[in-house]
């Protein structure tokens, strides 16, 4: 004869069959799920993904600035690059970017003769690296130098 007490069935020969999970089994499953969630969050890392996206925007902005500076230089038949990108919040001619779109820590410098210019911005992805554009090399690079020493 079978008797039912809670979720455990007791048979005539006193053998028991359980219908639920033990506390140990539940704790093991919860700890495995927590471990997997921790690994997933570490791999995905939303802050790093946001920094990668922002750095991509910064690279695009630097390329756009460099093209605008070169276009203004050529269009005005100037022999020197300007000392600053904005004069009283008015951008250079052909500079198709607003001052609010430029990152605050962007460094723009010209050499003494103003025949070359340099754009530099700290990297958001790699610590102690900088995004650097020099008019003489005409390409965006990553450097471990500081902006001040890269643009000398």
Protein backbone atom coordinates (compact mmCIF):
# COMPACT_ATOMS: atom_id res chain seq x y z
CA UNK A 1 0.00 0.00 0.00
CA UNK A 2 1.30 3.49 -0.92
CA UNK A 3 1.10 6.40 1.50
CA UNK A 4 1.80 10.01 0.50
CA UNK A 5 3.34 12.41 3.01
CA UNK A 6 4.11 15.86 1.49
CA UNK A 7 6.17 15.37 -1.63
CA UNK A 8 7.64 11.99 -0.54
CA UNK A 9 5.93 8.71 -1.35
CA UNK A 10 6.47 5.88 1.08
CA UNK A 11 6.03 2.35 -0.18
CA UNK A 12 5.11 -0.82 1.69
CA UNK A 13 8.73 -2.02 1.94
CA UNK A 14 9.83 1.36 3.46
CA UNK A 15 11.74 2.57 0.35
CA UNK A 16 11.33 6.30 -0.34
CA UNK A 17 11.15 8.13 -3.66
CA UNK A 18 11.39 11.92 -3.58
CA UNK A 19 9.48 14.21 -5.92
CA UNK A 20 11.51 17.48 -5.42
CA UNK A 21 15.07 18.87 -5.36
CA UNK A 22 17.28 18.97 -2.31
CA UNK A 23 18.71 22.22 -0.97
CA UNK A 24 22.23 21.20 -2.08
CA UNK A 25 21.08 20.62 -5.68
CA UNK A 26 19.40 24.05 -5.78
CA UNK A 27 22.49 25.78 -4.35
CA UNK A 28 24.74 24.13 -6.93
CA UNK A 29 22.48 25.21 -9.82
CA UNK A 30 22.23 28.79 -8.52
CA UNK A 31 26.02 29.02 -8.05
CA UNK A 32 26.64 27.73 -11.61
CA UNK A 33 24.19 30.29 -13.03
CA UNK A 34 25.91 33.06 -11.01
CA UNK A 35 29.33 31.99 -12.24
CA UNK A 36 28.19 31.99 -15.87
CA UNK A 37 26.54 35.42 -15.45
CA UNK A 38 29.75 36.82 -13.94
CA UNK A 39 31.85 35.50 -16.81
CA UNK A 40 29.39 36.86 -19.40
CA UNK A 41 29.32 40.34 -17.86
CA UNK A 42 33.12 40.41 -17.69
CA UNK A 43 33.45 39.40 -21.33
CA UNK A 44 30.82 41.82 -22.62
CA UNK A 45 31.84 44.73 -20.30
CA UNK A 46 29.43 47.51 -21.31
CA UNK A 47 31.85 50.31 -20.32
CA UNK A 48 34.55 48.95 -22.63
CA UNK A 49 32.05 48.58 -25.47
CA UNK A 50 30.92 52.19 -24.93
CA UNK A 51 34.57 53.37 -24.98
CA UNK A 52 35.23 51.47 -28.22
CA UNK A 53 32.20 53.11 -29.83
CA UNK A 54 33.22 56.58 -28.57
CA UNK A 55 36.77 56.08 -29.80
CA UNK A 56 35.41 55.22 -33.24
CA UNK A 57 33.45 58.50 -33.21
CA UNK A 58 36.59 60.35 -32.08
CA UNK A 59 38.61 58.87 -34.95
CA UNK A 60 35.94 59.93 -37.41
CA UNK A 61 35.90 63.44 -35.89
CA UNK A 62 39.69 63.72 -36.12
CA UNK A 63 39.67 62.63 -39.77
CA UNK A 64 36.88 65.11 -40.52
CA UNK A 65 38.82 67.88 -38.77
CA UNK A 66 42.00 67.07 -40.65
CA UNK A 67 40.16 67.12 -43.98
CA UNK A 68 38.48 70.43 -43.08
CA UNK A 69 41.78 72.02 -42.03
CA UNK A 70 43.45 70.87 -45.26
CA UNK A 71 40.49 72.08 -47.35
CA UNK A 72 40.55 75.50 -45.63
CA UNK A 73 44.31 75.71 -46.10
CA UNK A 74 44.01 74.97 -49.83
CA UNK A 75 40.89 77.10 -50.42
CA UNK A 76 42.39 80.21 -48.84
CA UNK A 77 45.74 79.79 -50.65
CA UNK A 78 47.38 80.17 -47.29
CA UNK A 79 51.01 79.34 -46.64
CA UNK A 80 50.37 78.70 -42.97
CA UNK A 81 47.92 76.61 -41.00
CA UNK A 82 45.73 78.51 -38.53
CA UNK A 83 46.79 78.76 -34.88
CA UNK A 84 43.36 77.67 -33.66
CA UNK A 85 40.38 75.85 -35.13
CA UNK A 86 37.75 78.31 -33.90
CA UNK A 87 37.94 82.08 -33.70
CA UNK A 88 35.25 83.46 -31.36
CA UNK A 89 33.18 80.26 -31.83
CA UNK A 90 33.35 80.70 -35.62
CA UNK A 91 34.88 77.65 -37.32
CA UNK A 92 37.45 77.83 -40.07
CA UNK A 93 36.03 78.03 -43.60
CA UNK A 94 35.13 74.57 -44.92
CA UNK A 95 35.42 73.05 -41.42
CA UNK A 96 32.18 71.10 -41.42
CA UNK A 97 32.05 70.37 -37.72
CA UNK A 98 30.70 72.34 -34.79
CA UNK A 99 32.75 73.15 -31.71
CA UNK A 100 30.42 71.03 -29.54
CA UNK A 101 31.29 67.93 -31.61
CA UNK A 102 34.99 68.22 -30.86
CA UNK A 103 36.15 66.27 -27.78
CA UNK A 104 37.23 68.56 -24.93
CA UNK A 105 40.67 66.98 -24.58
CA UNK A 106 41.60 67.22 -28.27
CA UNK A 107 44.94 68.93 -28.79
CA UNK A 108 45.52 70.96 -31.96
CA UNK A 109 49.00 72.38 -32.55
CA UNK A 110 51.01 73.77 -35.41
CA UNK A 111 54.76 73.78 -35.75
CA UNK A 112 56.72 77.03 -35.40
CA UNK A 113 56.47 77.89 -39.10
CA UNK A 114 52.81 76.78 -39.18
CA UNK A 115 53.53 74.55 -42.16
CA UNK A 116 52.34 71.40 -40.39
CA UNK A 117 49.61 70.68 -37.89
CA UNK A 118 48.97 67.94 -35.38
CA UNK A 119 45.78 66.59 -33.77
CA UNK A 120 46.06 64.43 -30.67
CA UNK A 121 43.52 62.79 -28.37
CA UNK A 122 43.94 60.31 -25.48
CA UNK A 123 42.70 56.82 -26.33
CA UNK A 124 39.62 55.58 -24.47
CA UNK A 125 40.37 51.92 -25.15
CA UNK A 126 44.10 51.51 -24.56
CA UNK A 127 45.57 53.10 -21.46
CA UNK A 128 48.53 55.43 -22.06
CA UNK A 129 47.89 55.49 -25.83
CA UNK A 130 46.94 58.47 -27.95
CA UNK A 131 45.22 58.93 -31.29
CA UNK A 132 47.47 61.15 -33.36
CA UNK A 133 47.17 62.80 -36.76
CA UNK A 134 50.04 64.73 -38.29
CA UNK A 135 49.65 66.62 -41.56
CA UNK A 136 53.07 65.44 -42.77
CA UNK A 137 52.17 61.73 -42.41
CA UNK A 138 48.53 62.31 -43.42
CA UNK A 139 47.21 59.33 -41.48
CA UNK A 140 45.69 58.62 -38.10
CA UNK A 141 47.97 56.61 -35.81
CA UNK A 142 48.04 55.28 -32.26
CA UNK A 143 51.06 56.33 -30.19
CA UNK A 144 52.27 55.80 -26.66
CA UNK A 145 53.72 59.32 -26.56
CA UNK A 146 51.88 62.15 -24.84
CA UNK A 147 50.13 64.70 -27.04
CA UNK A 148 52.61 67.41 -26.08
CA UNK A 149 55.65 65.38 -27.12
CA UNK A 150 53.95 63.91 -30.23
CA UNK A 151 53.02 67.33 -31.58
CA UNK A 152 56.44 68.96 -31.18
